[in-house]
Amino acid sequence: MEYLVLGFFTGLSLILAIGAQNIFVIEQGLKKQYILLVCLICSISDLILIFLGIFLFHYFVQYFNSTIELILNILLIIFLIHFIYSKIKSYTSKVEFNRETQDVSKFDIFLKTLGFTYLNPHVYSDTVFFLGNFSKNFVFSDKILFGVGASLASFLFFFLVGYLSKYLSHYAKSEKVWKIINLFIIIFMSMLTIFVILETIN
């Protein structure tokens, strides 16, 4: 059960950030345009990519020697440090949301959502590389629980943001709220970084 919780909070920390995809979801919520479609595409895509990363690292880990594992851990630490640095930088950045409603077809929104999801390199680094790499030494059942937890975080986040942005637009656009969220991410990811560094040293 602890791996489910770990996966949930790790996934939440990765996704709880203002990026192009999340801004798009919030904007669709504010405009009340195809919210269910957008949330489903983003959530299911995350689930697919999360388990793709977990299974890739699971099935290829047998070919890793100590040198490759050390390199992967170093890359993971670099990723985490860069991620934390980007959150510290964005702590003071201003967020702009577009609320202008236009007549857009469901197919256009479908393609746009796929674009924001699969053409975003951060989606792959966060899901496939980070979550797959982080869970590579877990036993298989714990990897599944970890992946389920991370996927649940994605579903919860996208549907809450999509559907509540209309009713909580004041909070969705609040700089103070996003600063608090960023602070949570910085603290949690710093703890994960220390854990990976200690694991690498040992």
N, C-alpha and C. Protein backbone atom coordinates (compact mmCIF):
# COMPACT_ATOMS: atom_id res chain seq x y z
N MET A 1 0.82 -1.21 0.00
CA MET A 1 0.00 0.00 0.00
C MET A 1 0.85 1.27 0.00
N GLU A 2 2.03 1.18 0.67
CA GLU A 2 2.91 2.36 0.72
C GLU A 2 3.42 2.75 -0.66
N TYR A 3 3.55 1.75 -1.56
CA TYR A 3 4.01 2.06 -2.92
C TYR A 3 2.91 2.75 -3.74
N LEU A 4 1.66 2.42 -3.43
CA LEU A 4 0.52 3.11 -4.05
C LEU A 4 0.53 4.58 -3.65
N VAL A 5 0.74 4.81 -2.36
CA VAL A 5 0.78 6.19 -1.84
C VAL A 5 1.98 6.93 -2.38
N LEU A 6 3.14 6.25 -2.42
CA LEU A 6 4.35 6.86 -2.96
C LEU A 6 4.15 7.23 -4.43
N GLY A 7 3.57 6.32 -5.20
CA GLY A 7 3.29 6.59 -6.61
C GLY A 7 2.34 7.76 -6.77
N PHE A 8 1.32 7.82 -5.91
CA PHE A 8 0.33 8.89 -5.99
C PHE A 8 0.98 10.25 -5.77
N PHE A 9 1.75 10.38 -4.69
CA PHE A 9 2.35 11.68 -4.37
C PHE A 9 3.50 12.03 -5.32
N THR A 10 4.22 11.02 -5.81
CA THR A 10 5.27 11.30 -6.79
C THR A 10 4.65 11.78 -8.09
N GLY A 11 3.61 11.07 -8.55
CA GLY A 11 2.91 11.48 -9.77
C GLY A 11 2.29 12.85 -9.62
N LEU A 12 1.71 13.10 -8.46
CA LEU A 12 1.08 14.41 -8.19
C LEU A 12 2.11 15.52 -8.21
N SER A 13 3.28 15.26 -7.66
CA SER A 13 4.35 16.27 -7.64
C SER A 13 4.82 16.61 -9.05
N LEU A 14 4.85 15.61 -9.92
CA LEU A 14 5.28 15.84 -11.30
C LEU A 14 4.24 16.62 -12.10
N ILE A 15 2.97 16.31 -11.83
CA ILE A 15 1.90 16.90 -12.65
C ILE A 15 1.41 18.24 -12.10
N LEU A 16 1.62 18.45 -10.80
CA LEU A 16 1.17 19.70 -10.16
C LEU A 16 2.10 20.85 -10.51
N ALA A 17 2.11 21.22 -11.75
CA ALA A 17 2.96 22.32 -12.20
C ALA A 17 2.28 23.00 -13.37
N ILE A 18 2.47 24.31 -13.47
CA ILE A 18 1.87 25.04 -14.58
C ILE A 18 2.74 24.88 -15.81
N GLY A 19 2.28 24.03 -16.71
CA GLY A 19 2.93 23.86 -18.00
C GLY A 19 1.89 24.05 -19.08
N ALA A 20 2.31 23.88 -20.33
CA ALA A 20 1.41 24.11 -21.46
C ALA A 20 0.17 23.23 -21.39
N GLN A 21 0.36 21.95 -21.05
CA GLN A 21 -0.76 21.02 -21.01
C GLN A 21 -1.76 21.39 -19.92
N ASN A 22 -1.26 21.69 -18.72
CA ASN A 22 -2.15 22.02 -17.61
C ASN A 22 -2.89 23.34 -17.82
N ILE A 23 -2.20 24.31 -18.40
CA ILE A 23 -2.85 25.58 -18.72
C ILE A 23 -3.99 25.34 -19.72
N PHE A 24 -3.73 24.47 -20.71
CA PHE A 24 -4.75 24.16 -21.71
C PHE A 24 -5.98 23.53 -21.05
N VAL A 25 -5.77 22.60 -20.12
CA VAL A 25 -6.88 21.94 -19.41
C VAL A 25 -7.68 22.96 -18.61
N ILE A 26 -6.98 23.84 -17.90
CA ILE A 26 -7.65 24.87 -17.10
C ILE A 26 -8.46 25.80 -18.00
N GLU A 27 -7.86 26.18 -19.13
CA GLU A 27 -8.55 27.07 -20.07
C GLU A 27 -9.83 26.42 -20.61
N GLN A 28 -9.75 25.12 -20.92
CA GLN A 28 -10.95 24.42 -21.41
C GLN A 28 -12.02 24.37 -20.34
N GLY A 29 -11.59 24.24 -19.08
CA GLY A 29 -12.56 24.28 -17.97
C GLY A 29 -13.20 25.64 -17.84
N LEU A 30 -12.41 26.69 -17.96
CA LEU A 30 -12.94 28.06 -17.86
C LEU A 30 -13.89 28.36 -19.03
N LYS A 31 -13.59 27.79 -20.19
CA LYS A 31 -14.43 28.03 -21.38
C LYS A 31 -15.61 27.07 -21.47
N LYS A 32 -15.58 26.00 -20.63
CA LYS A 32 -16.62 24.96 -20.64
C LYS A 32 -16.70 24.27 -22.01
N GLN A 33 -15.56 23.94 -22.57
CA GLN A 33 -15.49 23.31 -23.89
C GLN A 33 -14.90 21.90 -23.80
N TYR A 34 -15.71 20.90 -24.07
CA TYR A 34 -15.26 19.50 -24.19
C TYR A 34 -14.34 19.08 -23.03
N ILE A 35 -14.75 19.40 -21.82
CA ILE A 35 -13.90 19.14 -20.65
C ILE A 35 -13.67 17.64 -20.45
N LEU A 36 -14.74 16.83 -20.61
CA LEU A 36 -14.61 15.38 -20.41
C LEU A 36 -13.61 14.79 -21.39
N LEU A 37 -13.71 15.18 -22.65
CA LEU A 37 -12.80 14.68 -23.69
C LEU A 37 -11.35 15.02 -23.36
N VAL A 38 -11.10 16.27 -23.01
CA VAL A 38 -9.75 16.74 -22.70
C VAL A 38 -9.18 16.00 -21.49
N CYS A 39 -9.97 15.89 -20.43
CA CYS A 39 -9.50 15.22 -19.21
C CYS A 39 -9.23 13.74 -19.44
N LEU A 40 -10.09 13.08 -20.23
CA LEU A 40 -9.89 11.66 -20.52
C LEU A 40 -8.62 11.42 -21.32
N ILE A 41 -8.39 12.24 -22.36
CA ILE A 41 -7.19 12.07 -23.19
C ILE A 41 -5.93 12.26 -22.36
N CYS A 42 -5.90 13.32 -21.55
CA CYS A 42 -4.71 13.60 -20.72
C CYS A 42 -4.47 12.50 -19.69
N SER A 43 -5.53 12.04 -19.03
CA SER A 43 -5.40 11.04 -17.97
C SER A 43 -4.98 9.68 -18.53
N ILE A 44 -5.68 9.23 -19.59
CA ILE A 44 -5.36 7.93 -20.19
C ILE A 44 -3.95 7.94 -20.80
N SER A 45 -3.57 9.06 -21.40
CA SER A 45 -2.22 9.18 -21.97
C SER A 45 -1.17 9.05 -20.88
N ASP A 46 -1.39 9.70 -19.75
CA ASP A 46 -0.46 9.58 -18.62
C ASP A 46 -0.36 8.13 -18.16
N LEU A 47 -1.51 7.47 -18.02
CA LEU A 47 -1.51 6.07 -17.59
C LEU A 47 -0.68 5.21 -18.54
N ILE A 48 -0.89 5.37 -19.85
CA ILE A 48 -0.14 4.60 -20.85
C ILE A 48 1.36 4.86 -20.73
N LEU A 49 1.74 6.13 -20.63
CA LEU A 49 3.16 6.49 -20.59
C LEU A 49 3.82 6.07 -19.28
N ILE A 50 3.08 6.16 -18.18
CA ILE A 50 3.61 5.74 -16.87
C ILE A 50 3.96 4.25 -16.90
N PHE A 51 3.02 3.43 -17.37
CA PHE A 51 3.27 1.99 -17.39
C PHE A 51 4.26 1.59 -18.49
N LEU A 52 4.32 2.38 -19.56
CA LEU A 52 5.35 2.15 -20.59
C LEU A 52 6.73 2.29 -19.97
N GLY A 53 6.93 3.36 -19.20
CA GLY A 53 8.21 3.58 -18.52
C GLY A 53 8.53 2.50 -17.52
N ILE A 54 7.53 2.12 -16.71
CA ILE A 54 7.73 1.09 -15.69
C ILE A 54 8.10 -0.25 -16.33
N PHE A 55 7.38 -0.65 -17.39
CA PHE A 55 7.65 -1.93 -18.05
C PHE A 55 8.96 -1.92 -18.82
N LEU A 56 9.28 -0.78 -19.44
CA LEU A 56 10.56 -0.68 -20.15
C LEU A 56 11.73 -0.91 -19.21
N PHE A 57 11.70 -0.21 -18.06
CA PHE A 57 12.79 -0.36 -17.10
C PHE A 57 12.75 -1.72 -16.42
N HIS A 58 11.55 -2.30 -16.27
CA HIS A 58 11.44 -3.62 -15.64
C HIS A 58 12.07 -4.69 -16.52
N TYR A 59 11.77 -4.68 -17.81
CA TYR A 59 12.23 -5.74 -18.70
C TYR A 59 13.67 -5.55 -19.18
N PHE A 60 14.17 -4.31 -19.08
CA PHE A 60 15.56 -4.09 -19.51
C PHE A 60 16.53 -4.02 -18.34
N VAL A 61 16.00 -3.99 -17.10
CA VAL A 61 16.87 -3.88 -15.93
C VAL A 61 17.79 -5.10 -15.81
N GLN A 62 17.34 -6.25 -16.34
CA GLN A 62 18.19 -7.46 -16.27
C GLN A 62 19.47 -7.32 -17.08
N TYR A 63 19.44 -6.38 -18.05
CA TYR A 63 20.62 -6.15 -18.89
C TYR A 63 21.53 -5.06 -18.32
N PHE A 64 21.08 -4.43 -17.20
CA PHE A 64 21.88 -3.36 -16.60
C PHE A 64 23.01 -3.97 -15.77
N ASN A 65 24.21 -3.46 -15.95
CA ASN A 65 25.26 -3.80 -15.00
C ASN A 65 25.39 -2.63 -14.03
N SER A 66 26.32 -2.72 -13.09
CA SER A 66 26.44 -1.69 -12.06
C SER A 66 26.78 -0.32 -12.64
N THR A 67 27.55 -0.31 -13.74
CA THR A 67 27.94 0.97 -14.37
C THR A 67 26.73 1.65 -15.00
N ILE A 68 25.91 0.87 -15.74
CA ILE A 68 24.71 1.43 -16.37
C ILE A 68 23.74 1.93 -15.31
N GLU A 69 23.59 1.16 -14.23
CA GLU A 69 22.68 1.58 -13.15
C GLU A 69 23.17 2.85 -12.49
N LEU A 70 24.49 2.98 -12.31
CA LEU A 70 25.06 4.20 -11.74
C LEU A 70 24.79 5.40 -12.66
N ILE A 71 24.97 5.21 -13.97
CA ILE A 71 24.72 6.28 -14.94
C ILE A 71 23.24 6.71 -14.89
N LEU A 72 22.34 5.71 -14.83
CA LEU A 72 20.91 6.01 -14.77
C LEU A 72 20.55 6.78 -13.49
N ASN A 73 21.16 6.37 -12.38
CA ASN A 73 20.92 7.07 -11.11
C ASN A 73 21.44 8.51 -11.16
N ILE A 74 22.60 8.70 -11.79
CA ILE A 74 23.17 10.05 -11.93
C ILE A 74 22.26 10.90 -12.81
N LEU A 75 21.76 10.32 -13.91
CA LEU A 75 20.82 11.03 -14.78
C LEU A 75 19.54 11.39 -14.04
N LEU A 76 19.08 10.45 -13.18
CA LEU A 76 17.88 10.69 -12.38
C LEU A 76 18.11 11.84 -11.41
N ILE A 77 19.27 11.88 -10.78
CA ILE A 77 19.60 12.97 -9.84
C ILE A 77 19.67 14.30 -10.58
N ILE A 78 20.30 14.30 -11.78
CA ILE A 78 20.38 15.52 -12.59
C ILE A 78 18.99 16.01 -12.96
N PHE A 79 18.13 15.04 -13.37
CA PHE A 79 16.75 15.38 -13.72
C PHE A 79 16.03 16.02 -12.53
N LEU A 80 16.17 15.41 -11.36
CA LEU A 80 15.50 15.92 -10.16
C LEU A 80 15.99 17.32 -9.79
N ILE A 81 17.30 17.52 -9.86
CA ILE A 81 17.87 18.84 -9.53
C ILE A 81 17.37 19.89 -10.51
N HIS A 82 17.35 19.53 -11.80
CA HIS A 82 16.85 20.45 -12.83
C HIS A 82 15.36 20.74 -12.62
N PHE A 83 14.60 19.70 -12.25
CA PHE A 83 13.17 19.85 -12.00
C PHE A 83 12.92 20.81 -10.83
N ILE A 84 13.67 20.61 -9.75
CA ILE A 84 13.53 21.47 -8.57
C ILE A 84 13.93 22.90 -8.91
N TYR A 85 15.03 23.05 -9.66
CA TYR A 85 15.49 24.38 -10.07
C TYR A 85 14.42 25.10 -10.91
N SER A 86 13.77 24.35 -11.83
CA SER A 86 12.73 24.96 -12.66
C SER A 86 11.53 25.38 -11.83
N LYS A 87 11.22 24.63 -10.75
CA LYS A 87 10.11 24.99 -9.86
C LYS A 87 10.46 26.24 -9.05
N ILE A 88 11.72 26.33 -8.64
CA ILE A 88 12.16 27.52 -7.89
C ILE A 88 12.09 28.76 -8.79
N LYS A 89 12.50 28.59 -10.06
CA LYS A 89 12.43 29.70 -11.02
C LYS A 89 10.98 30.12 -11.27
N SER A 90 10.09 29.13 -11.44
CA SER A 90 8.70 29.44 -11.75
C SER A 90 7.93 29.95 -10.54
N TYR A 91 8.58 29.90 -9.35
CA TYR A 91 7.93 30.36 -8.11
C TYR A 91 7.52 31.83 -8.22
N THR A 92 8.30 32.60 -8.97
CA THR A 92 8.01 34.03 -9.09
C THR A 92 7.41 34.41 -10.45
N SER A 93 7.23 33.41 -11.34
CA SER A 93 6.72 33.74 -12.68
C SER A 93 5.22 33.96 -12.67
N LYS A 94 4.76 34.76 -13.59
CA LYS A 94 3.34 35.11 -13.69
C LYS A 94 2.66 34.12 -14.64
N VAL A 95 1.44 33.73 -14.30
CA VAL A 95 0.68 32.78 -15.10
C VAL A 95 -0.48 33.50 -15.78
N GLU A 96 -0.61 33.31 -17.08
CA GLU A 96 -1.70 33.93 -17.84
C GLU A 96 -2.61 32.86 -18.42
N PHE A 97 -3.92 33.03 -18.27
CA PHE A 97 -4.89 32.11 -18.83
C PHE A 97 -5.76 32.83 -19.86
N ASN A 98 -6.04 32.13 -20.94
CA ASN A 98 -6.89 32.68 -22.00
C ASN A 98 -8.33 32.21 -21.78
N ARG A 99 -9.25 33.16 -21.58
CA ARG A 99 -10.64 32.80 -21.31
C ARG A 99 -11.55 33.09 -22.50
N GLU A 100 -10.97 33.59 -23.58
CA GLU A 100 -11.79 33.92 -24.76
C GLU A 100 -12.33 32.64 -25.39
N THR A 101 -13.66 32.58 -25.53
CA THR A 101 -14.31 31.40 -26.08
C THR A 101 -14.47 31.52 -27.59
N GLN A 102 -14.07 30.47 -28.30
CA GLN A 102 -14.21 30.43 -29.75
C GLN A 102 -14.97 29.16 -30.13
N ASP A 103 -15.60 29.19 -31.31
CA ASP A 103 -16.28 28.00 -31.81
C ASP A 103 -15.23 27.03 -32.35
N VAL A 104 -15.03 25.95 -31.61
CA VAL A 104 -14.03 24.96 -31.99
C VAL A 104 -14.70 23.60 -32.04
N SER A 105 -14.37 22.81 -33.05
CA SER A 105 -14.98 21.48 -33.18
C SER A 105 -14.36 20.50 -32.20
N LYS A 106 -15.08 19.43 -31.92
CA LYS A 106 -14.59 18.39 -31.02
C LYS A 106 -13.30 17.77 -31.56
N PHE A 107 -13.25 17.58 -32.89
CA PHE A 107 -12.05 16.99 -33.51
C PHE A 107 -10.84 17.90 -33.35
N ASP A 108 -11.03 19.22 -33.47
CA ASP A 108 -9.93 20.17 -33.29
C ASP A 108 -9.40 20.11 -31.86
N ILE A 109 -10.32 20.04 -30.90
CA ILE A 109 -9.91 19.94 -29.49
C ILE A 109 -9.20 18.61 -29.24
N PHE A 110 -9.68 17.54 -29.87
CA PHE A 110 -9.06 16.22 -29.76
C PHE A 110 -7.60 16.27 -30.22
N LEU A 111 -7.39 16.86 -31.41
CA LEU A 111 -6.03 16.97 -31.96
C LEU A 111 -5.16 17.89 -31.11
N LYS A 112 -5.75 18.97 -30.64
CA LYS A 112 -5.00 19.94 -29.82
C LYS A 112 -4.55 19.30 -28.50
N THR A 113 -5.44 18.53 -27.90
CA THR A 113 -5.10 17.85 -26.64
C THR A 113 -4.00 16.82 -26.86
N LEU A 114 -4.09 16.06 -27.95
CA LEU A 114 -3.03 15.10 -28.28
C LEU A 114 -1.70 15.82 -28.48
N GLY A 115 -1.75 16.97 -29.13
CA GLY A 115 -0.54 17.75 -29.37
C GLY A 115 0.10 18.22 -28.08
N PHE A 116 -0.73 18.80 -27.19
CA PHE A 116 -0.22 19.27 -25.90
C PHE A 116 0.33 18.12 -25.05
N THR A 117 -0.18 16.91 -25.30
CA THR A 117 0.25 15.75 -24.51
C THR A 117 1.48 15.08 -25.09
N TYR A 118 1.40 14.65 -26.35
CA TYR A 118 2.46 13.82 -26.92
C TYR A 118 3.58 14.60 -27.59
N LEU A 119 3.38 15.88 -27.84
CA LEU A 119 4.45 16.70 -28.42
C LEU A 119 5.20 17.48 -27.34
N ASN A 120 4.87 17.18 -26.10
CA ASN A 120 5.50 17.84 -24.96
C ASN A 120 6.61 16.94 -24.41
N PRO A 121 7.88 17.31 -24.58
CA PRO A 121 8.99 16.44 -24.11
C PRO A 121 8.96 16.19 -22.61
N HIS A 122 8.40 17.15 -21.85
CA HIS A 122 8.35 16.97 -20.39
C HIS A 122 7.47 15.80 -20.00
N VAL A 123 6.46 15.49 -20.81
CA VAL A 123 5.57 14.37 -20.52
C VAL A 123 6.37 13.07 -20.51
N TYR A 124 7.29 12.92 -21.46
CA TYR A 124 8.11 11.70 -21.55
C TYR A 124 9.16 11.64 -20.45
N SER A 125 9.78 12.78 -20.17
CA SER A 125 10.81 12.79 -19.13
C SER A 125 10.18 12.53 -17.75
N ASP A 126 8.98 13.08 -17.53
CA ASP A 126 8.32 12.91 -16.23
C ASP A 126 7.77 11.50 -16.05
N THR A 127 7.11 10.97 -17.08
CA THR A 127 6.44 9.68 -16.93
C THR A 127 7.35 8.51 -17.30
N VAL A 128 7.77 8.44 -18.55
CA VAL A 128 8.54 7.28 -19.02
C VAL A 128 9.89 7.19 -18.31
N PHE A 129 10.67 8.29 -18.33
CA PHE A 129 12.02 8.21 -17.77
C PHE A 129 12.00 8.27 -16.24
N PHE A 130 11.41 9.31 -15.68
CA PHE A 130 11.52 9.48 -14.23
C PHE A 130 10.83 8.36 -13.45
N LEU A 131 9.53 8.13 -13.72
CA LEU A 131 8.80 7.12 -12.94
C LEU A 131 9.32 5.71 -13.23
N GLY A 132 9.68 5.44 -14.49
CA GLY A 132 10.25 4.13 -14.83
C GLY A 132 11.59 3.91 -14.15
N ASN A 133 12.44 4.93 -14.21
CA ASN A 133 13.78 4.85 -13.61
C ASN A 133 13.69 4.76 -12.09
N PHE A 134 12.82 5.57 -11.51
CA PHE A 134 12.70 5.61 -10.05
C PHE A 134 12.23 4.27 -9.48
N SER A 135 11.36 3.57 -10.25
CA SER A 135 10.78 2.32 -9.76
C SER A 135 11.54 1.07 -10.21
N LYS A 136 12.68 1.25 -10.87
CA LYS A 136 13.37 0.12 -11.51
C LYS A 136 13.81 -0.97 -10.53
N ASN A 137 14.06 -0.62 -9.27
CA ASN A 137 14.52 -1.61 -8.30
C ASN A 137 13.41 -2.14 -7.39
N PHE A 138 12.16 -1.71 -7.65
CA PHE A 138 11.03 -2.24 -6.88
C PHE A 138 10.72 -3.66 -7.39
N VAL A 139 10.13 -4.49 -6.51
CA VAL A 139 9.64 -5.78 -6.99
C VAL A 139 8.43 -5.51 -7.89
N PHE A 140 8.09 -6.48 -8.77
CA PHE A 140 7.09 -6.25 -9.81
C PHE A 140 5.74 -5.78 -9.26
N SER A 141 5.26 -6.42 -8.20
CA SER A 141 3.95 -6.06 -7.63
C SER A 141 3.97 -4.63 -7.09
N ASP A 142 5.11 -4.21 -6.53
CA ASP A 142 5.22 -2.85 -6.01
C ASP A 142 5.29 -1.83 -7.16
N LYS A 143 5.89 -2.24 -8.27
CA LYS A 143 5.93 -1.37 -9.46
C LYS A 143 4.51 -1.10 -9.97
N ILE A 144 3.67 -2.16 -9.98
CA ILE A 144 2.28 -2.01 -10.43
C ILE A 144 1.54 -1.06 -9.51
N LEU A 145 1.70 -1.24 -8.20
CA LEU A 145 1.05 -0.35 -7.24
C LEU A 145 1.53 1.09 -7.40
N PHE A 146 2.83 1.24 -7.60
CA PHE A 146 3.42 2.56 -7.81
C PHE A 146 2.82 3.22 -9.06
N GLY A 147 2.71 2.44 -10.16
CA GLY A 147 2.13 2.95 -11.40
C GLY A 147 0.66 3.31 -11.25
N VAL A 148 -0.08 2.47 -10.53
CA VAL A 148 -1.50 2.74 -10.29
C VAL A 148 -1.66 4.03 -9.48
N GLY A 149 -0.81 4.20 -8.46
CA GLY A 149 -0.86 5.41 -7.64
C GLY A 149 -0.58 6.66 -8.45
N ALA A 150 0.46 6.59 -9.32
CA ALA A 150 0.81 7.74 -10.17
C ALA A 150 -0.30 8.04 -11.18
N SER A 151 -0.92 6.97 -11.72
CA SER A 151 -2.02 7.14 -12.68
C SER A 151 -3.25 7.75 -12.01
N LEU A 152 -3.54 7.30 -10.79
CA LEU A 152 -4.67 7.87 -10.03
C LEU A 152 -4.47 9.37 -9.80
N ALA A 153 -3.22 9.75 -9.53
CA ALA A 153 -2.91 11.17 -9.33
C ALA A 153 -3.22 11.97 -10.60
N SER A 154 -2.90 11.41 -11.76
CA SER A 154 -3.18 12.08 -13.04
C SER A 154 -4.67 12.24 -13.27
N PHE A 155 -5.43 11.14 -13.06
CA PHE A 155 -6.88 11.19 -13.25
C PHE A 155 -7.51 12.21 -12.30
N LEU A 156 -7.10 12.15 -11.04
CA LEU A 156 -7.66 13.07 -10.04
C LEU A 156 -7.33 14.51 -10.40
N PHE A 157 -6.09 14.77 -10.75
CA PHE A 157 -5.66 16.14 -11.05
C PHE A 157 -6.39 16.70 -12.26
N PHE A 158 -6.38 15.98 -13.37
CA PHE A 158 -6.97 16.51 -14.60
C PHE A 158 -8.47 16.74 -14.46
N PHE A 159 -9.18 15.78 -13.84
CA PHE A 159 -10.63 15.94 -13.73
C PHE A 159 -11.00 17.04 -12.72
N LEU A 160 -10.24 17.14 -11.63
CA LEU A 160 -10.50 18.21 -10.67
C LEU A 160 -10.23 19.57 -11.30
N VAL A 161 -9.08 19.70 -11.96
CA VAL A 161 -8.72 20.98 -12.58
C VAL A 161 -9.69 21.34 -13.70
N GLY A 162 -10.03 20.33 -14.53
CA GLY A 162 -10.92 20.59 -15.65
C GLY A 162 -12.31 21.03 -15.23
N TYR A 163 -12.89 20.28 -14.28
CA TYR A 163 -14.28 20.54 -13.90
C TYR A 163 -14.44 21.61 -12.83
N LEU A 164 -13.42 21.77 -12.00
CA LEU A 164 -13.54 22.77 -10.93
C LEU A 164 -13.02 24.15 -11.34
N SER A 165 -12.32 24.23 -12.47
CA SER A 165 -11.77 25.53 -12.88
C SER A 165 -12.88 26.55 -13.13
N LYS A 166 -14.05 26.07 -13.57
CA LYS A 166 -15.19 26.97 -13.78
C LYS A 166 -15.66 27.55 -12.44
N TYR A 167 -15.77 26.69 -11.43
CA TYR A 167 -16.30 27.12 -10.14
C TYR A 167 -15.23 27.72 -9.24
N LEU A 168 -13.98 27.32 -9.48
CA LEU A 168 -12.89 27.82 -8.63
C LEU A 168 -11.91 28.64 -9.46
N SER A 169 -12.46 29.38 -10.42
CA SER A 169 -11.60 30.16 -11.33
C SER A 169 -10.73 31.15 -10.58
N HIS A 170 -11.25 31.67 -9.48
CA HIS A 170 -10.46 32.63 -8.68
C HIS A 170 -9.20 31.96 -8.14
N TYR A 171 -9.35 30.69 -7.70
CA TYR A 171 -8.20 29.97 -7.15
C TYR A 171 -7.30 29.44 -8.26
N ALA A 172 -7.92 29.02 -9.38
CA ALA A 172 -7.14 28.49 -10.50
C ALA A 172 -6.19 29.54 -11.06
N LYS A 173 -6.59 30.81 -10.96
CA LYS A 173 -5.76 31.88 -11.51
C LYS A 173 -4.96 32.61 -10.43
N SER A 174 -5.03 32.11 -9.21
CA SER A 174 -4.36 32.78 -8.10
C SER A 174 -2.87 32.47 -8.06
N GLU A 175 -2.05 33.52 -8.08
CA GLU A 175 -0.60 33.34 -7.98
C GLU A 175 -0.23 32.72 -6.64
N LYS A 176 -0.94 33.09 -5.58
CA LYS A 176 -0.63 32.59 -4.25
C LYS A 176 -0.83 31.07 -4.17
N VAL A 177 -1.94 30.59 -4.76
CA VAL A 177 -2.24 29.16 -4.76
C VAL A 177 -1.14 28.38 -5.46
N TRP A 178 -0.70 28.86 -6.64
CA TRP A 178 0.32 28.15 -7.40
C TRP A 178 1.69 28.24 -6.73
N LYS A 179 1.92 29.29 -5.95
CA LYS A 179 3.18 29.38 -5.19
C LYS A 179 3.20 28.33 -4.08
N ILE A 180 2.06 28.14 -3.42
CA ILE A 180 1.96 27.12 -2.38
C ILE A 180 2.17 25.73 -2.97
N ILE A 181 1.55 25.49 -4.14
CA ILE A 181 1.70 24.21 -4.84
C ILE A 181 3.16 23.98 -5.21
N ASN A 182 3.82 25.03 -5.75
CA ASN A 182 5.23 24.92 -6.13
C ASN A 182 6.11 24.61 -4.92
N LEU A 183 5.78 25.22 -3.79
CA LEU A 183 6.56 24.98 -2.57
C LEU A 183 6.45 23.52 -2.14
N PHE A 184 5.23 22.95 -2.23
CA PHE A 184 5.02 21.53 -1.92
C PHE A 184 5.87 20.66 -2.84
N ILE A 185 5.87 20.98 -4.14
CA ILE A 185 6.64 20.20 -5.12
C ILE A 185 8.12 20.26 -4.81
N ILE A 186 8.62 21.46 -4.51
CA ILE A 186 10.06 21.65 -4.22
C ILE A 186 10.47 20.81 -3.02
N ILE A 187 9.68 20.83 -1.95
CA ILE A 187 10.00 20.09 -0.73
C ILE A 187 9.97 18.59 -0.98
N PHE A 188 8.89 18.11 -1.63
CA PHE A 188 8.74 16.66 -1.87
C PHE A 188 9.83 16.14 -2.79
N MET A 189 10.10 16.86 -3.87
CA MET A 189 11.13 16.42 -4.82
C MET A 189 12.53 16.50 -4.22
N SER A 190 12.76 17.44 -3.33
CA SER A 190 14.05 17.53 -2.64
C SER A 190 14.27 16.30 -1.77
N MET A 191 13.19 15.84 -1.12
CA MET A 191 13.27 14.62 -0.30
C MET A 191 13.57 13.40 -1.18
N LEU A 192 12.92 13.32 -2.35
CA LEU A 192 13.18 12.22 -3.28
C LEU A 192 14.62 12.25 -3.78
N THR A 193 15.14 13.45 -4.05
CA THR A 193 16.52 13.60 -4.52
C THR A 193 17.51 13.08 -3.48
N ILE A 194 17.29 13.44 -2.22
CA ILE A 194 18.15 12.96 -1.13
C ILE A 194 18.10 11.44 -1.06
N PHE A 195 16.88 10.87 -1.21
CA PHE A 195 16.71 9.42 -1.18
C PHE A 195 17.51 8.74 -2.30
N VAL A 196 17.42 9.28 -3.52
CA VAL A 196 18.13 8.69 -4.67
C VAL A 196 19.64 8.83 -4.50
N ILE A 197 20.09 9.97 -3.98
CA ILE A 197 21.54 10.18 -3.76
C ILE A 197 22.06 9.17 -2.74
N LEU A 198 21.34 8.98 -1.64
CA LEU A 198 21.75 8.03 -0.60
C LEU A 198 21.76 6.60 -1.14
N GLU A 199 20.74 6.27 -1.98
CA GLU A 199 20.66 4.94 -2.59
C GLU A 199 21.85 4.71 -3.55
N THR A 200 22.23 5.76 -4.28
CA THR A 200 23.35 5.68 -5.23
C THR A 200 24.67 5.49 -4.49
N ILE A 201 24.84 6.22 -3.39
CA ILE A 201 26.09 6.14 -2.59
C ILE A 201 26.23 4.74 -1.99
N ASN A 202 25.11 4.21 -1.51
CA ASN A 202 25.13 2.89 -0.86
C ASN A 202 25.23 1.77 -1.89
